[in-house]
Structures are given as structure tokens and as C-alpha cells.
PDB file of all heavy atoms in Angstrom:
ATOM      1  N   ILE A   1      -9.508 -12.093  -2.384  1.00  0.00           N
ATOM      2  CA  ILE A   1      -9.469 -11.372  -3.696  1.00  0.00           C
ATOM      3  C   ILE A   1      -9.630  -9.902  -3.580  1.00  0.00           C
ATOM      4  O   ILE A   1      -8.928  -9.262  -4.204  1.00  0.00           O
ATOM      5  CB  ILE A   1     -10.516 -12.066  -4.680  1.00  0.00           C
ATOM      6  CG1 ILE A   1     -10.030 -13.476  -5.062  1.00  0.00           C
ATOM      7  CG2 ILE A   1     -10.623 -11.227  -5.887  1.00  0.00           C
ATOM      8  CD1 ILE A   1     -11.024 -14.216  -5.831  1.00  0.00           C
ATOM      9  N   GLY A   2     -10.545  -9.535  -2.728  1.00  0.00           N
ATOM     10  CA  GLY A   2     -10.797  -8.100  -2.475  1.00  0.00           C
ATOM     11  C   GLY A   2      -9.510  -7.328  -1.915  1.00  0.00           C
ATOM     12  O   GLY A   2      -9.289  -6.208  -2.262  1.00  0.00           O
ATOM     13  N   GLU A   3      -8.794  -7.987  -0.989  1.00  0.00           N
ATOM     14  CA  GLU A   3      -7.514  -7.438  -0.514  1.00  0.00           C
ATOM     15  C   GLU A   3      -6.495  -7.283  -1.634  1.00  0.00           C
ATOM     16  O   GLU A   3      -5.862  -6.266  -1.737  1.00  0.00           O
ATOM     17  CB  GLU A   3      -6.967  -8.309   0.625  1.00  0.00           C
ATOM     18  CG  GLU A   3      -7.893  -8.206   1.848  1.00  0.00           C
ATOM     19  CD  GLU A   3      -7.378  -9.312   2.911  1.00  0.00           C
ATOM     20  OE1 GLU A   3      -7.166 -10.412   2.440  1.00  0.00           O
ATOM     21  OE2 GLU A   3      -7.327  -8.972   4.079  1.00  0.00           O
ATOM     22  N   LEU A   4      -6.355  -8.184  -2.434  1.00  0.00           N
ATOM     23  CA  LEU A   4      -5.516  -8.255  -3.659  1.00  0.00           C
ATOM     24  C   LEU A   4      -5.921  -7.132  -4.501  1.00  0.00           C
ATOM     25  O   LEU A   4      -5.079  -6.229  -5.002  1.00  0.00           O
ATOM     26  CB  LEU A   4      -5.414  -9.530  -4.261  1.00  0.00           C
ATOM     27  CG  LEU A   4      -4.500  -9.533  -5.504  1.00  0.00           C
ATOM     28  CD1 LEU A   4      -3.099  -9.373  -5.124  1.00  0.00           C
ATOM     29  CD2 LEU A   4      -4.638 -10.982  -6.199  1.00  0.00           C
ATOM     30  N   ALA A   5      -7.189  -6.975  -4.775  1.00  0.00           N
ATOM     31  CA  ALA A   5      -7.656  -5.908  -5.741  1.00  0.00           C
ATOM     32  C   ALA A   5      -7.330  -4.610  -5.163  1.00  0.00           C
ATOM     33  O   ALA A   5      -6.858  -3.620  -5.846  1.00  0.00           O
ATOM     34  CB  ALA A   5      -9.167  -5.937  -5.784  1.00  0.00           C
ATOM     35  N   ALA A   6      -7.447  -4.387  -3.771  1.00  0.00           N
ATOM     36  CA  ALA A   6      -7.193  -3.137  -3.147  1.00  0.00           C
ATOM     37  C   ALA A   6      -5.697  -2.750  -3.274  1.00  0.00           C
ATOM     38  O   ALA A   6      -5.233  -1.620  -3.483  1.00  0.00           O
ATOM     39  CB  ALA A   6      -7.627  -3.119  -1.688  1.00  0.00           C
ATOM     40  N   ARG A   7      -4.935  -3.801  -2.945  1.00  0.00           N
ATOM     41  CA  ARG A   7      -3.421  -3.539  -3.008  1.00  0.00           C
ATOM     42  C   ARG A   7      -2.953  -3.240  -4.415  1.00  0.00           C
ATOM     43  O   ARG A   7      -1.900  -2.569  -4.521  1.00  0.00           O
ATOM     44  CB  ARG A   7      -2.776  -4.917  -2.459  1.00  0.00           C
ATOM     45  CG  ARG A   7      -2.728  -5.085  -1.009  1.00  0.00           C
ATOM     46  CD  ARG A   7      -2.003  -6.240  -0.591  1.00  0.00           C
ATOM     47  NE  ARG A   7      -1.698  -6.207   0.879  1.00  0.00           N
ATOM     48  CZ  ARG A   7      -0.798  -5.617   1.424  1.00  0.00           C
ATOM     49  NH1 ARG A   7       0.000  -4.701   0.767  1.00  0.00           N
ATOM     50  NH2 ARG A   7      -0.626  -5.581   2.781  1.00  0.00           N
ATOM     51  N   MET A   8      -3.617  -3.795  -5.352  1.00  0.00           N
ATOM     52  CA  MET A   8      -3.109  -3.556  -6.652  1.00  0.00           C
ATOM     53  C   MET A   8      -3.842  -2.358  -7.393  1.00  0.00           C
ATOM     54  O   MET A   8      -3.565  -1.963  -8.533  1.00  0.00           O
ATOM     55  CB  MET A   8      -3.270  -4.881  -7.571  1.00  0.00           C
ATOM     56  CG  MET A   8      -2.429  -6.043  -7.121  1.00  0.00           C
ATOM     57  SD  MET A   8      -2.497  -7.464  -8.187  1.00  0.00           S
ATOM     58  CE  MET A   8      -1.806  -6.739  -9.708  1.00  0.00           C
ATOM     59  N   ASN A   9      -4.839  -1.872  -6.660  1.00  0.00           N
ATOM     60  CA  ASN A   9      -5.629  -0.797  -7.087  1.00  0.00           C
ATOM     61  C   ASN A   9      -6.341  -1.009  -8.505  1.00  0.00           C
ATOM     62  O   ASN A   9      -6.282  -0.296  -9.399  1.00  0.00           O
ATOM     63  CB  ASN A   9      -4.810   0.487  -7.205  1.00  0.00           C
ATOM     64  CG  ASN A   9      -5.631   1.791  -7.353  1.00  0.00           C
ATOM     65  OD1 ASN A   9      -6.710   1.790  -6.727  1.00  0.00           O
ATOM     66  ND2 ASN A   9      -5.190   2.889  -7.812  1.00  0.00           N
ATOM     67  N   ILE A  10      -6.915  -2.241  -8.508  1.00  0.00           N
ATOM     68  CA  ILE A  10      -7.692  -2.661  -9.741  1.00  0.00           C
ATOM     69  C   ILE A  10      -9.025  -3.091  -9.254  1.00  0.00           C
ATOM     70  O   ILE A  10      -9.216  -3.462  -8.125  1.00  0.00           O
ATOM     71  CB  ILE A  10      -6.986  -3.767 -10.562  1.00  0.00           C
ATOM     72  CG1 ILE A  10      -6.611  -4.907  -9.816  1.00  0.00           C
ATOM     73  CG2 ILE A  10      -5.687  -3.074 -11.294  1.00  0.00           C
ATOM     74  CD1 ILE A  10      -5.908  -6.133 -10.545  1.00  0.00           C
ATOM     75  N   THR A  11     -10.009  -3.339 -10.218  1.00  0.00           N
ATOM     76  CA  THR A  11     -11.341  -3.673  -9.842  1.00  0.00           C
ATOM     77  C   THR A  11     -11.387  -5.111  -9.393  1.00  0.00           C
ATOM     78  O   THR A  11     -10.612  -5.992  -9.771  1.00  0.00           O
ATOM     79  CB  THR A  11     -12.353  -3.494 -11.007  1.00  0.00           C
ATOM     80  OG1 THR A  11     -11.993  -4.474 -12.097  1.00  0.00           O
ATOM     81  CG2 THR A  11     -12.319  -2.126 -11.519  1.00  0.00           C
ATOM     82  N   LEU A  12     -12.379  -5.435  -8.568  1.00  0.00           N
ATOM     83  CA  LEU A  12     -12.554  -6.779  -8.129  1.00  0.00           C
ATOM     84  C   LEU A  12     -12.840  -7.653  -9.152  1.00  0.00           C
ATOM     85  O   LEU A  12     -12.258  -8.856  -9.171  1.00  0.00           O
ATOM     86  CB  LEU A  12     -13.717  -6.784  -7.114  1.00  0.00           C
ATOM     87  CG  LEU A  12     -14.037  -8.064  -6.304  1.00  0.00           C
ATOM     88  CD1 LEU A  12     -12.787  -8.366  -5.476  1.00  0.00           C
ATOM     89  CD2 LEU A  12     -15.198  -7.843  -5.437  1.00  0.00           C
ATOM     90  N   SER A  13     -13.566  -7.361 -10.131  1.00  0.00           N
ATOM     91  CA  SER A  13     -13.945  -8.270 -11.234  1.00  0.00           C
ATOM     92  C   SER A  13     -12.657  -8.631 -12.067  1.00  0.00           C
ATOM     93  O   SER A  13     -12.377  -9.799 -12.511  1.00  0.00           O
ATOM     94  CB  SER A  13     -15.038  -7.753 -12.142  1.00  0.00           C
ATOM     95  OG  SER A  13     -14.575  -6.588 -12.844  1.00  0.00           O
ATOM     96  N   THR A  14     -11.778  -7.634 -12.319  1.00  0.00           N
ATOM     97  CA  THR A  14     -10.515  -7.862 -13.004  1.00  0.00           C
ATOM     98  C   THR A  14      -9.675  -8.764 -12.127  1.00  0.00           C
ATOM     99  O   THR A  14      -9.001  -9.662 -12.664  1.00  0.00           O
ATOM    100  CB  THR A  14      -9.742  -6.494 -13.279  1.00  0.00           C
ATOM    101  OG1 THR A  14     -10.637  -5.670 -14.184  1.00  0.00           O
ATOM    102  CG2 THR A  14      -8.440  -6.732 -13.962  1.00  0.00           C
ATOM    103  N   THR A  15      -9.560  -8.439 -10.878  1.00  0.00           N
ATOM    104  CA  THR A  15      -8.785  -9.363 -10.018  1.00  0.00           C
ATOM    105  C   THR A  15      -9.226 -10.783  -9.905  1.00  0.00           C
ATOM    106  O   THR A  15      -8.466 -11.642  -9.979  1.00  0.00           O
ATOM    107  CB  THR A  15      -8.756  -8.769  -8.536  1.00  0.00           C
ATOM    108  OG1 THR A  15      -8.330  -7.413  -8.670  1.00  0.00           O
ATOM    109  CG2 THR A  15      -7.836  -9.438  -7.663  1.00  0.00           C
ATOM    110  N   SER A  16     -10.568 -10.907  -9.827  1.00  0.00           N
ATOM    111  CA  SER A  16     -11.099 -12.237  -9.840  1.00  0.00           C
ATOM    112  C   SER A  16     -10.742 -13.008 -11.147  1.00  0.00           C
ATOM    113  O   SER A  16     -10.395 -14.106 -11.082  1.00  0.00           O
ATOM    114  CB  SER A  16     -12.689 -12.208  -9.805  1.00  0.00           C
ATOM    115  OG  SER A  16     -13.228 -13.419  -9.700  1.00  0.00           O
ATOM    116  N   ARG A  17     -10.854 -12.362 -12.297  1.00  0.00           N
ATOM    117  CA  ARG A  17     -10.424 -13.042 -13.513  1.00  0.00           C
ATOM    118  C   ARG A  17      -8.928 -13.339 -13.556  1.00  0.00           C
ATOM    119  O   ARG A  17      -8.551 -14.497 -14.002  1.00  0.00           O
ATOM    120  CB  ARG A  17     -10.723 -12.157 -14.718  1.00  0.00           C
ATOM    121  CG  ARG A  17     -12.180 -12.100 -15.157  1.00  0.00           C
ATOM    122  CD  ARG A  17     -12.485 -11.449 -16.429  1.00  0.00           C
ATOM    123  NE  ARG A  17     -11.751 -10.213 -16.699  1.00  0.00           N
ATOM    124  CZ  ARG A  17     -12.253  -8.988 -16.297  1.00  0.00           C
ATOM    125  NH1 ARG A  17     -13.547  -8.904 -15.794  1.00  0.00           N
ATOM    126  NH2 ARG A  17     -11.660  -7.867 -16.565  1.00  0.00           N
ATOM    127  N   MET A  18      -8.163 -12.459 -12.903  1.00  0.00           N
ATOM    128  CA  MET A  18      -6.657 -12.713 -12.974  1.00  0.00           C
ATOM    129  C   MET A  18      -6.357 -13.972 -11.979  1.00  0.00           C
ATOM    130  O   MET A  18      -5.544 -14.788 -12.361  1.00  0.00           O
ATOM    131  CB  MET A  18      -5.921 -11.401 -12.441  1.00  0.00           C
ATOM    132  CG  MET A  18      -4.465 -11.646 -12.467  1.00  0.00           C
ATOM    133  SD  MET A  18      -3.491 -10.142 -11.985  1.00  0.00           S
ATOM    134  CE  MET A  18      -4.528  -8.834 -12.398  1.00  0.00           C
ATOM    135  N   VAL A  19      -7.059 -13.984 -10.844  1.00  0.00           N
ATOM    136  CA  VAL A  19      -6.878 -15.049  -9.956  1.00  0.00           C
ATOM    137  C   VAL A  19      -7.347 -16.394 -10.603  1.00  0.00           C
ATOM    138  O   VAL A  19      -6.617 -17.443 -10.418  1.00  0.00           O
ATOM    139  CB  VAL A  19      -7.564 -14.787  -8.682  1.00  0.00           C
ATOM    140  CG1 VAL A  19      -7.733 -16.162  -7.805  1.00  0.00           C
ATOM    141  CG2 VAL A  19      -6.980 -13.749  -7.894  1.00  0.00           C
ATOM    142  N   ASP A  20      -8.399 -16.423 -11.281  1.00  0.00           N
ATOM    143  CA  ASP A  20      -8.809 -17.570 -12.095  1.00  0.00           C
ATOM    144  C   ASP A  20      -7.737 -17.977 -13.127  1.00  0.00           C
ATOM    145  O   ASP A  20      -7.435 -19.248 -13.243  1.00  0.00           O
ATOM    146  CB  ASP A  20     -10.051 -17.267 -12.866  1.00  0.00           C
ATOM    147  CG  ASP A  20     -11.226 -17.282 -11.948  1.00  0.00           C
ATOM    148  OD1 ASP A  20     -11.186 -17.751 -10.743  1.00  0.00           O
ATOM    149  OD2 ASP A  20     -12.366 -16.765 -12.425  1.00  0.00           O
ATOM    150  N   LEU A  21      -7.092 -17.056 -13.776  1.00  0.00           N
ATOM    151  CA  LEU A  21      -5.971 -17.320 -14.790  1.00  0.00           C
ATOM    152  C   LEU A  21      -4.787 -17.895 -13.945  1.00  0.00           C
ATOM    153  O   LEU A  21      -4.182 -18.799 -14.492  1.00  0.00           O
ATOM    154  CB  LEU A  21      -5.593 -16.167 -15.477  1.00  0.00           C
ATOM    155  CG  LEU A  21      -6.764 -15.617 -16.594  1.00  0.00           C
ATOM    156  CD1 LEU A  21      -6.416 -14.258 -17.130  1.00  0.00           C
ATOM    157  CD2 LEU A  21      -6.799 -16.648 -17.660  1.00  0.00           C
ATOM    158  N   LEU A  22      -4.425 -17.337 -12.891  1.00  0.00           N
ATOM    159  CA  LEU A  22      -3.259 -17.757 -12.086  1.00  0.00           C
ATOM    160  C   LEU A  22      -3.547 -19.184 -11.582  1.00  0.00           C
ATOM    161  O   LEU A  22      -2.643 -19.971 -11.562  1.00  0.00           O
ATOM    162  CB  LEU A  22      -2.979 -16.852 -10.847  1.00  0.00           C
ATOM    163  CG  LEU A  22      -2.356 -15.469 -11.225  1.00  0.00           C
ATOM    164  CD1 LEU A  22      -2.406 -14.573  -9.980  1.00  0.00           C
ATOM    165  CD2 LEU A  22      -1.042 -15.509 -11.838  1.00  0.00           C
ATOM    166  N   ASP A  23      -4.792 -19.392 -11.176  1.00  0.00           N
ATOM    167  CA  ASP A  23      -5.186 -20.678 -10.723  1.00  0.00           C
ATOM    168  C   ASP A  23      -5.147 -21.691 -11.842  1.00  0.00           C
ATOM    169  O   ASP A  23      -4.589 -22.871 -11.679  1.00  0.00           O
ATOM    170  CB  ASP A  23      -6.651 -20.692 -10.114  1.00  0.00           C
ATOM    171  CG  ASP A  23      -6.952 -21.905  -9.277  1.00  0.00           C
ATOM    172  OD1 ASP A  23      -6.110 -22.669  -8.793  1.00  0.00           O
ATOM    173  OD2 ASP A  23      -8.163 -22.123  -9.210  1.00  0.00           O
ATOM    174  N   GLY A  24      -5.602 -21.373 -13.048  1.00  0.00           N
ATOM    175  CA  GLY A  24      -5.638 -22.146 -14.133  1.00  0.00           C
ATOM    176  C   GLY A  24      -4.227 -22.498 -14.664  1.00  0.00           C
ATOM    177  O   GLY A  24      -4.050 -23.673 -15.217  1.00  0.00           O
ATOM    178  N   SER A  25      -3.314 -21.724 -14.366  1.00  0.00           N
ATOM    179  CA  SER A  25      -1.888 -21.927 -14.740  1.00  0.00           C
ATOM    180  C   SER A  25      -1.174 -22.794 -13.631  1.00  0.00           C
ATOM    181  O   SER A  25      -0.047 -23.174 -13.837  1.00  0.00           O
ATOM    182  CB  SER A  25      -1.160 -20.635 -14.884  1.00  0.00           C
ATOM    183  OG  SER A  25      -1.627 -19.915 -16.039  1.00  0.00           O
ATOM    184  N   GLY A  26      -1.915 -23.044 -12.595  1.00  0.00           N
ATOM    185  CA  GLY A  26      -1.251 -23.884 -11.473  1.00  0.00           C
ATOM    186  C   GLY A  26      -0.292 -23.131 -10.611  1.00  0.00           C
ATOM    187  O   GLY A  26       0.590 -23.752 -10.022  1.00  0.00           O
ATOM    188  N   TRP A  27      -0.468 -21.782 -10.437  1.00  0.00           N
ATOM    189  CA  TRP A  27       0.604 -20.942  -9.747  1.00  0.00           C
ATOM    190  C   TRP A  27       0.075 -20.611  -8.362  1.00  0.00           C
ATOM    191  O   TRP A  27       0.876 -20.029  -7.580  1.00  0.00           O
ATOM    192  CB  TRP A  27       0.906 -19.773 -10.589  1.00  0.00           C
ATOM    193  CG  TRP A  27       1.627 -20.082 -11.827  1.00  0.00           C
ATOM    194  CD1 TRP A  27       2.419 -21.076 -12.135  1.00  0.00           C
ATOM    195  CD2 TRP A  27       1.606 -19.305 -12.974  1.00  0.00           C
ATOM    196  NE1 TRP A  27       2.785 -21.095 -13.436  1.00  0.00           N
ATOM    197  CE2 TRP A  27       2.326 -19.914 -14.052  1.00  0.00           C
ATOM    198  CE3 TRP A  27       0.886 -18.197 -13.386  1.00  0.00           C
ATOM    199  CZ2 TRP A  27       2.523 -19.458 -15.271  1.00  0.00           C
ATOM    200  CZ3 TRP A  27       1.063 -17.616 -14.586  1.00  0.00           C
ATOM    201  CH2 TRP A  27       1.851 -18.339 -15.604  1.00  0.00           C
ATOM    202  N   ILE A  28      -1.224 -20.761  -8.059  1.00  0.00           N
ATOM    203  CA  ILE A  28      -1.624 -20.316  -6.702  1.00  0.00           C
ATOM    204  C   ILE A  28      -2.484 -21.483  -6.016  1.00  0.00           C
ATOM    205  O   ILE A  28      -2.854 -22.477  -6.740  1.00  0.00           O
ATOM    206  CB  ILE A  28      -2.559 -19.105  -6.895  1.00  0.00           C
ATOM    207  CG1 ILE A  28      -3.775 -19.406  -7.709  1.00  0.00           C
ATOM    208  CG2 ILE A  28      -1.768 -17.868  -7.303  1.00  0.00           C
ATOM    209  CD1 ILE A  28      -4.870 -18.349  -7.573  1.00  0.00           C
ATOM    210  N   THR A  29      -2.699 -21.362  -4.800  1.00  0.00           N
ATOM    211  CA  THR A  29      -3.523 -22.222  -4.069  1.00  0.00           C
ATOM    212  C   THR A  29      -4.715 -21.376  -3.418  1.00  0.00           C
ATOM    213  O   THR A  29      -4.464 -20.308  -2.875  1.00  0.00           O
ATOM    214  CB  THR A  29      -2.792 -22.869  -2.826  1.00  0.00           C
ATOM    215  OG1 THR A  29      -1.684 -23.676  -3.407  1.00  0.00           O
ATOM    216  CG2 THR A  29      -3.557 -23.723  -2.010  1.00  0.00           C
ATOM    217  N   ARG A  30      -5.927 -21.910  -3.583  1.00  0.00           N
ATOM    218  CA  ARG A  30      -7.077 -21.233  -2.855  1.00  0.00           C
ATOM    219  C   ARG A  30      -7.425 -22.142  -1.665  1.00  0.00           C
ATOM    220  O   ARG A  30      -7.496 -23.373  -1.851  1.00  0.00           O
ATOM    221  CB  ARG A  30      -8.217 -21.146  -3.721  1.00  0.00           C
ATOM    222  CG  ARG A  30      -8.030 -20.311  -4.944  1.00  0.00           C
ATOM    223  CD  ARG A  30      -9.381 -20.226  -5.667  1.00  0.00           C
ATOM    224  NE  ARG A  30      -9.195 -19.898  -7.148  1.00  0.00           N
ATOM    225  CZ  ARG A  30      -9.921 -19.006  -7.670  1.00  0.00           C
ATOM    226  NH1 ARG A  30     -10.982 -18.513  -7.043  1.00  0.00           N
ATOM    227  NH2 ARG A  30      -9.782 -18.734  -8.998  1.00  0.00           N
ATOM    228  N   ARG A  31      -7.680 -21.588  -0.534  1.00  0.00           N
ATOM    229  CA  ARG A  31      -8.214 -22.299   0.595  1.00  0.00           C
ATOM    230  C   ARG A  31      -9.311 -21.484   1.288  1.00  0.00           C
ATOM    231  O   ARG A  31      -9.250 -20.225   1.221  1.00  0.00           O
ATOM    232  CB  ARG A  31      -7.135 -22.742   1.515  1.00  0.00           C
ATOM    233  CG  ARG A  31      -6.379 -21.616   2.227  1.00  0.00           C
ATOM    234  CD  ARG A  31      -5.331 -22.071   3.115  1.00  0.00           C
ATOM    235  NE  ARG A  31      -4.430 -21.082   3.637  1.00  0.00           N
ATOM    236  CZ  ARG A  31      -4.787 -20.296   4.694  1.00  0.00           C
ATOM    237  NH1 ARG A  31      -5.843 -20.544   5.281  1.00  0.00           N
ATOM    238  NH2 ARG A  31      -3.948 -19.416   5.101  1.00  0.00           N
ATOM    239  N   PRO A  32     -10.171 -22.008   1.923  1.00  0.00           N
ATOM    240  CA  PRO A  32     -11.239 -21.339   2.716  1.00  0.00           C
ATOM    241  C   PRO A  32     -10.675 -20.378   3.732  1.00  0.00           C
ATOM    242  O   PRO A  32      -9.669 -20.771   4.408  1.00  0.00           O
ATOM    243  CB  PRO A  32     -12.074 -22.484   3.307  1.00  0.00           C
ATOM    244  CG  PRO A  32     -11.781 -23.685   2.657  1.00  0.00           C
ATOM    245  CD  PRO A  32     -10.391 -23.531   2.080  1.00  0.00           C
ATOM    246  N   ASP A  33     -11.132 -19.239   3.857  1.00  0.00           N
ATOM    247  CA  ASP A  33     -10.788 -18.280   4.851  1.00  0.00           C
ATOM    248  C   ASP A  33     -11.346 -18.709   6.121  1.00  0.00           C
ATOM    249  O   ASP A  33     -12.595 -18.946   6.258  1.00  0.00           O
ATOM    250  CB  ASP A  33     -11.340 -16.856   4.501  1.00  0.00           C
ATOM    251  CG  ASP A  33     -10.810 -15.796   5.461  1.00  0.00           C
ATOM    252  OD1 ASP A  33     -10.359 -16.175   6.613  1.00  0.00           O
ATOM    253  OD2 ASP A  33     -11.022 -14.687   5.069  1.00  0.00           O
ATOM    254  N   PRO A  34     -10.602 -19.094   7.169  1.00  0.00           N
ATOM    255  CA  PRO A  34     -11.117 -19.560   8.428  1.00  0.00           C
ATOM    256  C   PRO A  34     -11.973 -18.493   9.093  1.00  0.00           C
ATOM    257  O   PRO A  34     -12.987 -18.956   9.861  1.00  0.00           O
ATOM    258  CB  PRO A  34      -9.888 -19.733   9.336  1.00  0.00           C
ATOM    259  CG  PRO A  34      -8.718 -19.532   8.462  1.00  0.00           C
ATOM    260  CD  PRO A  34      -9.233 -18.953   7.233  1.00  0.00           C
ATOM    261  N   ALA A  35     -11.900 -17.190   8.769  1.00  0.00           N
ATOM    262  CA  ALA A  35     -12.762 -16.219   9.449  1.00  0.00           C
ATOM    263  C   ALA A  35     -14.106 -16.167   8.672  1.00  0.00           C
ATOM    264  O   ALA A  35     -15.053 -15.552   9.255  1.00  0.00           O
ATOM    265  CB  ALA A  35     -12.086 -14.811   9.305  1.00  0.00           C
ATOM    266  N   ASP A  36     -14.248 -16.678   7.384  1.00  0.00           N
ATOM    267  CA  ASP A  36     -15.482 -16.545   6.637  1.00  0.00           C
ATOM    268  C   ASP A  36     -15.394 -17.567   5.545  1.00  0.00           C
ATOM    269  O   ASP A  36     -14.730 -17.475   4.501  1.00  0.00           O
ATOM    270  CB  ASP A  36     -15.526 -15.097   5.973  1.00  0.00           C
ATOM    271  CG  ASP A  36     -16.861 -15.153   5.160  1.00  0.00           C
ATOM    272  OD1 ASP A  36     -17.588 -16.027   4.947  1.00  0.00           O
ATOM    273  OD2 ASP A  36     -17.015 -13.978   4.706  1.00  0.00           O
ATOM    274  N   GLN A  37     -16.003 -18.772   5.880  1.00  0.00           N
ATOM    275  CA  GLN A  37     -15.982 -19.984   4.931  1.00  0.00           C
ATOM    276  C   GLN A  37     -16.463 -19.626   3.573  1.00  0.00           C
ATOM    277  O   GLN A  37     -16.227 -20.379   2.654  1.00  0.00           O
ATOM    278  CB  GLN A  37     -16.689 -21.058   5.595  1.00  0.00           C
ATOM    279  CG  GLN A  37     -16.086 -21.611   6.844  1.00  0.00           C
ATOM    280  CD  GLN A  37     -14.676 -22.227   6.545  1.00  0.00           C
ATOM    281  OE1 GLN A  37     -14.486 -23.023   5.715  1.00  0.00           O
ATOM    282  NE2 GLN A  37     -13.724 -21.759   7.384  1.00  0.00           N
ATOM    283  N   ARG A  38     -17.170 -18.516   3.348  1.00  0.00           N
ATOM    284  CA  ARG A  38     -17.697 -18.174   2.027  1.00  0.00           C
ATOM    285  C   ARG A  38     -16.510 -17.605   1.218  1.00  0.00           C
ATOM    286  O   ARG A  38     -16.632 -17.542  -0.008  1.00  0.00           O
ATOM    287  CB  ARG A  38     -18.806 -17.183   2.079  1.00  0.00           C
ATOM    288  CG  ARG A  38     -20.110 -17.771   2.789  1.00  0.00           C
ATOM    289  CD  ARG A  38     -21.000 -16.662   3.121  1.00  0.00           C
ATOM    290  NE  ARG A  38     -20.453 -15.721   4.064  1.00  0.00           N
ATOM    291  CZ  ARG A  38     -20.828 -14.573   4.397  1.00  0.00           C
ATOM    292  NH1 ARG A  38     -22.060 -14.072   3.883  1.00  0.00           N
ATOM    293  NH2 ARG A  38     -20.280 -13.717   5.196  1.00  0.00           N
ATOM    294  N   ALA A  39     -15.492 -17.057   1.750  1.00  0.00           N
ATOM    295  CA  ALA A  39     -14.386 -16.447   1.036  1.00  0.00           C
ATOM    296  C   ALA A  39     -13.141 -17.412   1.000  1.00  0.00           C
ATOM    297  O   ALA A  39     -13.143 -18.305   1.721  1.00  0.00           O
ATOM    298  CB  ALA A  39     -13.952 -15.155   1.891  1.00  0.00           C
ATOM    299  N   SER A  40     -12.303 -17.072   0.095  1.00  0.00           N
ATOM    300  CA  SER A  40     -11.092 -17.892  -0.071  1.00  0.00           C
ATOM    301  C   SER A  40      -9.903 -16.982   0.239  1.00  0.00           C
ATOM    302  O   SER A  40      -9.952 -15.762  -0.094  1.00  0.00           O
ATOM    303  CB  SER A  40     -11.007 -18.339  -1.545  1.00  0.00           C
ATOM    304  OG  SER A  40     -11.968 -19.305  -1.881  1.00  0.00           O
ATOM    305  N   LEU A  41      -8.778 -17.618   0.612  1.00  0.00           N
ATOM    306  CA  LEU A  41      -7.471 -17.037   0.726  1.00  0.00           C
ATOM    307  C   LEU A  41      -6.647 -17.516  -0.379  1.00  0.00           C
ATOM    308  O   LEU A  41      -6.591 -18.735  -0.650  1.00  0.00           O
ATOM    309  CB  LEU A  41      -6.820 -17.319   2.175  1.00  0.00           C
ATOM    310  CG  LEU A  41      -7.567 -16.757   3.331  1.00  0.00           C
ATOM    311  CD1 LEU A  41      -6.980 -17.265   4.590  1.00  0.00           C
ATOM    312  CD2 LEU A  41      -7.586 -15.136   3.230  1.00  0.00           C
ATOM    313  N   ILE A  42      -5.969 -16.671  -1.057  1.00  0.00           N
ATOM    314  CA  ILE A  42      -5.154 -16.932  -2.192  1.00  0.00           C
ATOM    315  C   ILE A  42      -3.685 -16.790  -1.847  1.00  0.00           C
ATOM    316  O   ILE A  42      -3.328 -15.852  -1.210  1.00  0.00           O
ATOM    317  CB  ILE A  42      -5.399 -16.019  -3.339  1.00  0.00           C
ATOM    318  CG1 ILE A  42      -6.899 -15.724  -3.671  1.00  0.00           C
ATOM    319  CG2 ILE A  42      -4.818 -16.505  -4.656  1.00  0.00           C
ATOM    320  CD1 ILE A  42      -7.774 -16.988  -3.714  1.00  0.00           C
ATOM    321  N   SER A  43      -2.828 -17.732  -2.347  1.00  0.00           N
ATOM    322  CA  SER A  43      -1.399 -17.549  -2.027  1.00  0.00           C
ATOM    323  C   SER A  43      -0.716 -18.385  -3.107  1.00  0.00           C
ATOM    324  O   SER A  43      -1.350 -19.249  -3.699  1.00  0.00           O
ATOM    325  CB  SER A  43      -1.009 -18.127  -0.714  1.00  0.00           C
ATOM    326  OG  SER A  43      -1.410 -19.454  -0.450  1.00  0.00           O
ATOM    327  N   PRO A  44       0.507 -18.016  -3.425  1.00  0.00           N
ATOM    328  CA  PRO A  44       1.320 -18.811  -4.370  1.00  0.00           C
ATOM    329  C   PRO A  44       1.602 -20.121  -3.920  1.00  0.00           C
ATOM    330  O   PRO A  44       1.923 -20.243  -2.722  1.00  0.00           O
ATOM    331  CB  PRO A  44       2.661 -17.927  -4.663  1.00  0.00           C
ATOM    332  CG  PRO A  44       2.674 -16.929  -3.487  1.00  0.00           C
ATOM    333  CD  PRO A  44       1.319 -16.999  -2.845  1.00  0.00           C
TER     334      PRO A  44
END
């Protein structure tokens, strides 16, 4: 999510809400980041 926020030049909180909406719409997949199990990787 932080990388997406940086790429889009928007705040982390806004990006997090947007990712929640994309997830709620069924358009993305979240999976644990192998480098840090506390973080998620987002992809369509």
C-alpha cells in the first residue's frame, strides 16, 4: 500500500481506503508480503 501511495502521490490513509474499496468491489487480491508477513502485496 505504501508503494502504491508513493507512485500515485497520495497519502497512505487515502490509499488504504481506496485499496479497501477495490477489495470490496472484488477487483484486487491481497497476499502476505514474503519479505514482511505483517505487510500485504496488492495486485489486480
